[in-house]
Protein backbone atom coordinates (compact mmCIF):
# COMPACT_ATOMS: atom_id res chain seq x y z
CA MET A 1 0.01 -0.03 -0.01
CA LEU A 2 1.43 3.39 -1.05
CA GLN A 3 1.04 6.05 1.58
CA PRO A 4 -0.11 9.52 0.40
CA ALA A 5 2.70 11.26 -1.41
CA PRO A 6 4.06 14.42 0.16
CA PRO A 7 2.96 17.72 -1.32
CA ALA A 8 4.71 18.61 -4.57
CA GLU A 9 6.55 21.58 -3.04
CA ILE A 10 8.05 19.24 -0.41
CA ALA A 11 8.76 16.44 -2.86
CA ASP A 12 10.74 18.86 -4.94
CA ARG A 13 12.82 19.84 -1.89
CA PRO A 14 14.33 16.64 -0.47
CA ASP A 15 16.17 18.63 2.16
CA LEU A 16 12.75 19.56 3.67
CA VAL A 17 11.56 15.96 3.70
CA ARG A 18 14.58 14.41 5.41
CA PRO A 19 13.58 15.47 8.94
CA GLU A 20 10.48 13.24 8.61
CA ARG A 21 12.73 10.17 8.32
CA ARG A 22 11.21 8.56 5.27
CA VAL A 23 11.72 4.85 4.61
CA MET A 24 10.41 2.46 1.95
CA VAL A 25 9.38 -1.09 2.79
CA VAL A 26 9.19 -3.53 -0.14
CA ASP A 27 7.80 -7.04 0.33
CA ASP A 28 5.35 -9.22 -1.62
CA SER A 29 3.85 -10.34 1.77
CA ARG A 30 1.19 -7.88 2.94
CA VAL A 31 1.57 -9.21 6.48
CA GLN A 32 5.31 -8.77 6.53
CA ARG A 33 4.95 -5.23 5.16
CA LYS A 34 2.39 -4.40 7.84
CA ILE A 35 4.64 -5.71 10.66
CA LEU A 36 7.63 -3.70 9.47
CA SER A 37 5.60 -0.59 8.70
CA THR A 38 4.06 -0.60 12.14
CA GLN A 39 7.43 -0.95 13.86
CA LEU A 40 8.90 1.83 11.78
CA SER A 41 5.91 4.17 12.18
CA ARG A 42 6.17 3.80 15.97
CA ALA A 43 9.81 4.70 15.69
CA GLY A 44 8.82 7.97 13.97
CA PHE A 45 9.31 7.07 10.31
CA LEU A 46 7.13 8.09 7.40
CA VAL A 47 6.71 4.73 5.66
CA THR A 48 6.06 4.08 1.96
CA GLU A 49 4.99 0.49 1.05
CA ALA A 50 5.43 -1.39 -2.22
CA GLY A 51 4.42 -4.97 -3.01
CA THR A 52 6.80 -5.59 -5.87
CA GLY A 53 10.27 -4.56 -6.93
CA ALA A 54 8.89 -2.99 -10.12
CA GLU A 55 6.39 -0.87 -8.13
CA ALA A 56 9.07 0.20 -5.70
CA LEU A 57 11.43 1.22 -8.52
CA GLU A 58 8.73 3.40 -10.12
CA ILE A 59 7.98 5.07 -6.77
CA CYS A 60 11.68 5.79 -6.23
CA ARG A 61 11.97 7.36 -9.64
CA ARG A 62 9.17 9.82 -8.75
CA HIS A 63 9.89 10.27 -5.03
CA PRO A 64 13.46 9.37 -4.04
CA HIS A 65 13.92 7.59 -0.72
CA GLU A 66 17.17 7.47 1.22
CA LEU A 67 16.29 4.38 3.25
CA VAL A 68 14.93 1.18 1.59
CA ILE A 69 14.15 -2.14 3.26
CA SER A 70 13.36 -4.83 0.68
CA ASP A 71 12.74 -8.54 0.76
CA TRP A 72 15.24 -10.49 -1.31
CA MET A 73 12.99 -13.24 -2.67
CA MET A 74 10.05 -11.71 -4.58
CA PRO A 75 8.23 -12.65 -7.76
CA GLY A 76 9.17 -10.67 -10.86
CA LEU A 77 11.91 -8.22 -9.88
CA SER A 78 13.75 -9.71 -6.91
CA GLY A 79 15.09 -7.51 -4.11
CA LEU A 80 18.60 -7.80 -5.39
CA GLU A 81 17.57 -6.94 -8.95
CA PHE A 82 15.55 -4.00 -7.59
CA CYS A 83 18.69 -2.84 -5.71
CA ARG A 84 20.79 -3.01 -8.84
CA ALA A 85 18.20 -1.10 -10.89
CA LEU A 86 17.93 1.52 -8.11
CA ARG A 87 21.68 2.07 -8.15
CA GLU A 88 21.49 2.91 -11.84
CA ILE A 89 19.13 5.84 -11.28
CA ASP A 90 21.06 9.09 -11.61
CA SER A 91 20.77 10.90 -8.32
CA ASP A 92 22.90 13.18 -6.18
CA ARG A 93 21.68 11.36 -3.03
CA TYR A 94 22.79 8.02 -1.72
CA VAL A 95 20.20 5.32 -0.95
CA TYR A 96 20.92 3.06 2.04
CA PHE A 97 19.61 -0.37 1.03
CA ILE A 98 18.81 -3.17 3.53
CA LEU A 99 17.95 -6.65 2.21
CA LEU A 100 15.56 -8.91 4.12
CA THR A 101 16.68 -12.50 3.76
CA SER A 102 16.59 -15.95 5.30
CA LYS A 103 19.95 -16.60 3.67
CA SER A 104 22.94 -16.76 5.99
CA GLU A 105 25.58 -18.33 3.75
CA SER A 106 28.63 -16.11 3.26
CA ALA A 107 28.50 -16.61 -0.52
CA GLU A 108 24.97 -15.26 -0.68
CA ILE A 109 25.80 -12.32 1.56
CA ALA A 110 28.76 -11.54 -0.72
CA ARG A 111 26.46 -11.71 -3.75
CA GLY A 112 24.11 -9.24 -2.05
CA LEU A 113 26.94 -6.81 -1.28
CA ASP A 114 28.21 -7.06 -4.85
CA GLY A 115 24.69 -6.19 -6.03
CA GLY A 116 24.73 -2.95 -4.07
CA ALA A 117 23.15 -3.84 -0.76
CA ASP A 118 24.49 -2.07 2.30
CA ASP A 119 23.18 -4.31 5.06
CA PHE A 120 21.05 -7.33 5.78
CA LEU A 121 18.21 -8.30 8.16
CA THR A 122 17.45 -11.91 8.81
CA LYS A 123 13.83 -13.08 8.95
CA PRO A 124 11.97 -13.08 11.24
CA VAL A 125 12.96 -9.50 11.96
CA ASN A 126 13.83 -8.60 15.52
CA GLY A 127 12.58 -5.12 16.52
CA ASP A 128 15.76 -4.12 18.33
CA GLU A 129 17.93 -5.28 15.45
CA LEU A 130 15.72 -3.38 13.00
CA ARG A 131 16.16 -0.15 14.91
CA ALA A 132 19.92 -0.71 15.23
CA ARG A 133 20.27 -1.33 11.46
CA ILE A 134 18.18 1.72 10.68
CA ASP A 135 20.14 3.89 13.10
CA ALA A 136 23.40 2.76 11.46
CA GLY A 137 21.99 3.55 8.02
CA GLU A 138 20.90 7.00 9.17
CA ARG A 139 24.33 7.73 10.51
CA ILE A 140 25.88 6.85 7.15
CA LEU A 141 23.27 8.93 5.29
CA ARG A 142 23.88 11.86 7.58
CA MET A 143 27.59 11.72 6.93
CA GLU A 144 26.90 11.38 3.23
CA ARG A 145 24.72 14.50 3.32
CA GLU A 146 27.40 16.41 5.21
CA LEU A 147 30.04 15.27 2.74
CA LEU A 148 27.79 16.27 -0.18
CA GLU A 149 27.28 19.71 1.32
CA LYS A 150 31.04 20.13 1.92
CA ASN A 151 31.71 19.03 -1.62
CA ARG A 152 29.13 21.51 -2.85
CA LEU A 153 30.77 24.32 -0.86
CA LEU A 154 34.17 23.16 -2.09
CA SER A 155 33.03 23.13 -5.68
CA SER A 156 31.54 26.59 -5.25
CA THR A 157 34.72 27.88 -3.65
CA LEU A 158 36.87 26.35 -6.38
CA SER A 159 34.69 27.94 -9.04
CA GLU A 160 35.07 31.31 -7.40
CA LEU A 161 38.84 30.82 -7.02
CA GLN A 162 39.02 29.83 -10.72
CA ARG A 163 37.06 32.96 -11.64
CA LEU A 164 39.45 35.09 -9.58
CA TYR A 165 42.47 33.30 -10.96
CA ASP A 166 41.26 33.86 -14.52
CA SER A 167 40.78 37.53 -13.74
CA VAL A 168 44.27 37.79 -12.23
CA ASP A 169 45.74 35.84 -15.11
CA ARG A 170 44.21 38.27 -17.63
CA ASP A 171 45.60 41.21 -15.67
CA LEU A 172 49.02 39.59 -15.55
CA GLN A 173 48.92 38.99 -19.28
CA GLU A 174 48.34 42.66 -19.81
CA ALA A 175 51.05 43.51 -17.25
CA ARG A 176 53.46 41.31 -19.19
CA LYS A 177 52.72 43.24 -22.38
CA LEU A 178 53.23 46.50 -20.53
CA GLN A 179 56.55 45.38 -19.00
CA GLN A 180 57.81 44.06 -22.34
CA SER A 181 56.96 47.49 -23.82
CA LEU A 182 59.59 49.00 -21.42
CA VAL A 183 62.13 47.41 -23.79
CA ARG A 184 60.59 48.47 -27.03
CA GLU A 185 63.61 48.56 -29.39
CA ARG A 186 65.51 45.32 -28.90
CA ASN A 187 68.28 46.12 -31.37
CA ARG A 188 69.93 49.32 -32.49
CA ASN A 189 73.09 50.22 -34.43
CA PHE A 190 74.75 53.39 -33.15
CA GLY A 191 77.34 53.45 -35.95
CA GLY A 192 80.34 52.46 -33.87
CA ALA A 193 78.52 49.74 -31.91
CA GLU A 194 75.42 47.60 -32.13
CA VAL A 195 73.32 46.93 -29.01
CA SER A 196 70.93 43.95 -28.64
CA LEU A 197 68.63 43.15 -25.75
CA LEU A 198 67.04 39.97 -24.38
CA LEU A 199 64.29 39.85 -21.70
CA ARG A 200 62.65 36.54 -20.67
CA PRO A 201 60.62 36.61 -17.42
CA SER A 202 60.24 33.23 -15.69
CA GLY A 203 56.58 34.08 -15.00
CA HIS A 204 54.02 36.49 -16.38
CA VAL A 205 56.09 39.42 -15.15
CA GLY A 206 59.52 39.64 -13.63
CA GLY A 207 62.12 41.84 -12.03
CA ASP A 208 64.72 42.04 -14.80
CA LEU A 209 65.24 45.10 -16.95
CA VAL A 210 67.72 45.86 -19.73
CA GLY A 211 68.11 48.91 -21.86
CA TYR A 212 70.29 51.54 -23.50
CA PHE A 213 70.20 55.22 -24.30
CA PRO A 214 72.37 57.75 -26.18
CA ILE A 215 74.39 60.10 -23.98
CA ASN A 216 75.52 62.29 -26.87
CA ALA A 217 76.60 61.81 -30.48
CA THR A 218 79.60 59.63 -29.54
CA ARG A 219 78.64 57.90 -26.27
CA ILE A 220 75.97 55.50 -25.18
CA GLY A 221 74.82 54.02 -21.85
CA VAL A 222 73.81 50.34 -21.46
CA PHE A 223 72.36 48.77 -18.35
CA SER A 224 71.18 45.47 -16.87
CA ILE A 225 69.07 45.46 -13.69
CA ASP A 226 67.72 42.64 -11.51
CA VAL A 227 65.17 43.59 -8.84
CA SER A 228 64.97 41.24 -5.86
CA GLY A 229 62.08 38.79 -5.80
CA HIS A 230 59.65 37.93 -8.55
CA GLY A 231 56.21 38.87 -9.68
CA ILE A 232 54.19 42.07 -9.38
CA THR A 233 56.24 43.89 -6.79
CA SER A 234 59.47 43.45 -8.73
CA ALA A 235 57.74 44.35 -11.96
CA LEU A 236 56.44 47.61 -10.52
CA MET A 237 59.96 48.46 -9.35
CA THR A 238 61.41 47.79 -12.81
CA ALA A 239 58.76 50.08 -14.33
CA ARG A 240 59.80 52.90 -12.00
CA ILE A 241 63.52 52.38 -12.54
CA ALA A 242 62.94 52.32 -16.36
CA GLY A 243 61.69 55.89 -16.06
CA TYR A 244 64.93 56.93 -14.38
CA LEU A 245 67.08 55.49 -17.17
CA SER A 246 64.94 56.44 -20.14
CA GLY A 247 66.43 57.63 -23.42
CA ASP A 248 63.13 59.27 -24.37
CA SER A 249 63.23 61.71 -21.40
CA PRO A 250 66.84 62.80 -20.85
CA GLU A 251 65.75 65.37 -18.30
CA GLN A 252 64.54 62.50 -16.04
CA ASN A 253 67.46 60.17 -16.79
CA LEU A 254 69.56 59.95 -13.67
CA ALA A 255 72.59 58.86 -15.71
CA LEU A 256 72.63 62.21 -17.53
CA VAL A 257 73.64 65.68 -16.34
CA GLN A 258 72.59 68.77 -18.17
CA THR A 259 75.43 71.16 -18.96
CA HIS A 260 75.32 74.98 -19.01
CA SER A 261 74.85 74.90 -22.72
CA GLY A 262 71.71 72.79 -22.39
CA SER A 263 73.21 69.59 -23.79
CA TYR A 264 73.66 66.42 -21.73
CA ASP A 265 76.76 64.72 -20.44
CA ALA A 266 77.17 61.46 -18.53
CA ARG A 267 77.09 61.12 -14.82
CA ALA A 268 79.97 58.92 -13.59
CA PRO A 269 78.75 55.26 -13.37
CA GLU A 270 79.75 55.01 -9.72
CA GLU A 271 77.84 58.21 -8.95
CA LEU A 272 74.79 56.89 -10.74
CA ALA A 273 74.83 53.76 -8.52
CA LYS A 274 75.20 55.89 -5.38
CA MET A 275 72.34 58.15 -6.46
CA LEU A 276 70.02 55.22 -7.17
CA ASN A 277 70.95 53.69 -3.81
CA GLN A 278 69.99 56.85 -1.88
CA MET A 279 66.82 57.37 -3.89
CA ILE A 280 65.51 53.84 -3.22
CA LEU A 281 66.27 54.02 0.49
CA ARG A 282 65.03 57.57 1.10
CA GLU A 283 62.20 58.09 -1.42
CA MET A 284 60.77 54.69 -2.34
CA GLN A 285 60.72 53.35 1.23
CA THR A 286 60.60 49.75 0.08
CA GLU A 287 62.28 46.55 1.26
CA THR A 288 63.01 45.68 -2.38
CA TYR A 289 66.54 46.12 -3.57
CA LEU A 290 68.22 45.58 -6.92
CA THR A 291 71.52 44.73 -8.57
CA LEU A 292 72.94 46.72 -11.43
CA ALA A 293 75.56 46.63 -14.13
CA TYR A 294 75.83 49.89 -16.02
CA ALA A 295 78.36 50.68 -18.76
CA GLU A 296 79.18 53.88 -20.60
CA LEU A 297 80.80 53.33 -24.03
CA ASP A 298 82.72 55.80 -26.15
CA LEU A 299 81.81 54.89 -29.72
CA ALA A 300 84.96 56.48 -31.16
CA THR A 301 87.59 55.03 -28.84
CA GLY A 302 85.95 51.90 -27.45
CA ASP A 303 86.64 53.11 -23.89
CA VAL A 304 84.26 51.65 -21.34
CA ALA A 305 83.54 52.91 -17.83
CA LEU A 306 81.20 50.72 -15.80
CA VAL A 307 79.90 50.01 -12.34
CA GLN A 308 78.94 46.63 -10.90
CA ALA A 309 76.52 46.74 -7.94
CA GLY A 310 75.88 43.17 -6.76
CA HIS A 311 75.26 42.11 -10.34
CA PRO A 312 77.01 39.23 -12.17
CA HIS A 313 80.41 40.24 -13.56
CA PRO A 314 80.10 41.77 -17.03
CA ALA A 315 81.80 39.61 -19.64
CA VAL A 316 84.04 40.80 -22.47
CA GLN A 317 84.50 38.52 -25.45
CA ARG A 318 87.50 39.57 -27.45
CA ALA A 319 87.63 39.33 -31.22
CA ASN A 320 89.82 36.23 -30.89
CA GLY A 321 87.17 34.50 -28.74
CA ALA A 322 88.83 34.88 -25.34
CA VAL A 323 86.39 35.74 -22.53
CA GLU A 324 87.25 37.82 -19.47
CA PHE A 325 85.04 39.03 -16.58
CA LEU A 326 85.14 42.55 -15.18
CA GLY A 327 84.41 44.09 -11.76
CA ALA A 328 84.80 43.19 -8.13
CA GLY A 329 81.18 42.61 -7.14
CA GLY A 330 79.99 45.62 -5.18
CA MET A 331 77.01 46.10 -2.87
CA PRO A 332 73.45 45.80 -4.24
CA ILE A 333 71.46 49.01 -4.50
CA GLY A 334 68.87 49.70 -1.82
CA LEU A 335 70.41 47.82 1.12
CA ILE A 336 72.89 50.14 2.89
CA GLU A 337 72.75 53.96 2.63
CA ALA A 338 76.50 54.32 3.13
CA ALA A 339 77.37 51.90 0.35
CA THR A 340 80.10 53.00 -2.08
CA TYR A 341 80.64 51.82 -5.61
CA GLU A 342 83.78 51.43 -7.66
CA ARG A 343 84.40 52.50 -11.26
CA VAL A 344 85.84 49.86 -13.60
CA GLU A 345 87.42 50.73 -16.91
CA THR A 346 88.38 48.73 -20.00
CA ARG A 347 88.70 49.26 -23.71
CA LEU A 348 86.95 47.42 -26.51
CA ALA A 349 88.71 46.84 -29.83
CA PRO A 350 86.78 46.36 -33.08
CA GLY A 351 85.16 42.90 -33.02
CA ASP A 352 84.98 42.81 -29.20
CA ARG A 353 81.75 42.20 -27.32
CA LEU A 354 80.51 43.37 -23.91
CA LEU A 355 77.80 41.25 -22.26
CA LEU A 356 75.78 42.40 -19.28
CA MET A 357 73.50 39.71 -17.88
CA SER A 358 71.25 38.90 -14.90
CA ASP A 359 71.98 36.05 -12.48
CA GLY A 360 69.26 34.06 -14.25
CA VAL A 361 72.02 33.27 -16.75
CA THR A 362 74.98 32.45 -14.53
CA GLU A 363 72.86 30.74 -11.85
CA ALA A 364 70.85 28.55 -14.24
CA GLU A 365 70.94 24.96 -12.99
CA ASN A 366 71.20 21.71 -14.83
CA ALA A 367 69.36 18.48 -13.92
CA SER A 368 71.99 17.75 -11.25
CA GLY A 369 71.55 21.13 -9.59
CA ALA A 370 74.91 22.45 -10.75
CA GLN A 371 74.95 26.12 -11.78
CA LEU A 372 76.26 27.33 -15.11
CA GLY A 373 78.70 29.81 -13.52
CA GLU A 374 81.20 32.04 -15.31
CA ASP A 375 83.18 29.11 -16.74
CA GLY A 376 80.04 27.66 -18.26
CA LEU A 377 78.99 31.05 -19.59
CA ALA A 378 82.39 31.46 -21.30
CA ILE A 379 81.85 28.10 -23.02
CA LEU A 380 78.36 29.15 -24.20
CA MET A 381 79.72 32.48 -25.47
CA ASP A 382 82.38 30.63 -27.48
CA ARG A 383 79.60 28.54 -29.10
CA CYS A 384 77.81 31.72 -30.03
CA GLY A 385 80.88 33.27 -31.67
CA GLY A 386 79.64 32.78 -35.20
CA SER A 387 76.43 34.73 -34.54
CA ALA A 388 75.83 38.44 -34.15
CA GLY A 389 73.24 40.81 -32.79
CA PRO A 390 69.86 39.33 -31.71
CA ASP A 391 70.90 35.98 -33.21
CA TYR A 392 73.82 35.85 -30.78
CA LEU A 393 71.47 36.30 -27.78
CA GLU A 394 68.93 33.80 -29.18
CA THR A 395 71.74 31.23 -29.68
CA LEU A 396 72.91 31.93 -26.16
CA ILE A 397 69.47 31.41 -24.68
CA TRP A 398 69.09 28.21 -26.75
CA HIS A 399 72.31 26.79 -25.30
CA LEU A 400 71.24 27.92 -21.82
CA SER A 401 67.88 26.18 -22.23
CA GLU A 402 69.69 23.06 -23.33
CA PHE A 403 71.90 23.24 -20.22
CA SER A 404 68.96 23.70 -17.85
CA ALA A 405 66.66 21.15 -19.58
CA GLY A 406 64.39 23.88 -20.84
CA GLU A 407 63.34 25.18 -17.42
CA PHE A 408 64.39 28.63 -16.18
CA LEU A 409 63.72 29.14 -12.44
CA ASP A 410 64.62 32.81 -12.64
CA ASP A 411 64.18 35.68 -15.05
CA VAL A 412 66.77 35.71 -17.81
CA SER A 413 67.96 38.97 -19.41
CA ALA A 414 71.03 40.28 -21.21
CA ALA A 415 72.38 43.35 -22.99
CA LEU A 416 74.97 42.74 -25.69
CA VAL A 417 77.27 45.49 -27.06
CA GLU A 418 79.22 44.61 -30.23
CA PHE A 419 81.89 47.18 -30.92
CA GLN A 420 82.91 47.95 -34.50
CA GLY A 421 84.61 51.32 -33.97
CA VAL A 422 84.26 54.38 -36.20
CA PRO A 423 86.63 55.75 -38.85
CA GLY A 424 89.18 58.00 -37.18
CA GLY A 425 88.57 56.55 -33.76
CA ARG A 426 91.49 55.59 -31.49
CA ALA A 427 90.21 51.99 -31.14
């Protein structure tokens, strides 16, 4: 006998029906159904009865039940077959299924479990055992509902996180484009020398910056900067520093000094480093610091004056292929206000190269964790000797990628100066 169905608005909201403790009893014996239904009703359950497995299956399709007690042996659709069919119904709620049986053999019990049954009651049913089995089923269903709710909340949270991540990712993609635009002209020939730039952040944005600018008709400045850390903070710092070393705005370029005639001359490299150090500590008020290699080149003579502030040693590759490293290290910029910086001088001859690079190059690691180092860089530079300009840097990065198995853990950047000299120059 099918009890009156709950109102439609409740049937459509299973979470409102659960407190009534609904259970379905399926048995081809009217007497057995009555006995079980009476016991369950007295225990506070709302009972739905069905006389066959087929009838019970149809009821469950229309009004899902979380607790089902079914006889195993029934004409037509047996209890085990009903259980299997019930498990195939697509539902977000679990059904706790108890089989009534007179079978006690372990093989039969195993067959019932394989068919989807959760528990068994042996006929004749003992009232205390019935309540105990039902209580156990309710505990499992309660945990299943709690888990379902937690999964729902987790799914909702993950969806929100994905939405936020996608939004941040789009912003970072735009930030990458903006940061790359700080190095707009990657190659330029100044007549006596050609300058090429390489900038490869390890993430969307990074803390490396390379660039160059004309000082006057016969001198240029070239720099390589590595801001501490990675990501947005470092990228913002590079954007600000780029404004202080811009060739488009000489009046804002800290490396330039305006003369009485209105033209510009170069500030000494060591003075530039000192000025940047004081500005970061006094004006920016940030815990971020940076390393710097800055070189001033005379296009006519090949004379180079440079400063190294915590940056990897600049490398000079002579026309005959020999590689030497310049500088004594120096303090990073933005750590100690009283830091001083030393000027280093050298001269380039026609065919010589000057390479300024970030530590993403020299500290690149191979599969064994060994760093490339200066010796390894010299070997890579030798392999690049047949290339020139941007091709030289691309070949260098290809060999570096091969060394590190294609994975760069840090930003990689470099500025390459290839000196040709000018007619009438002392070089």
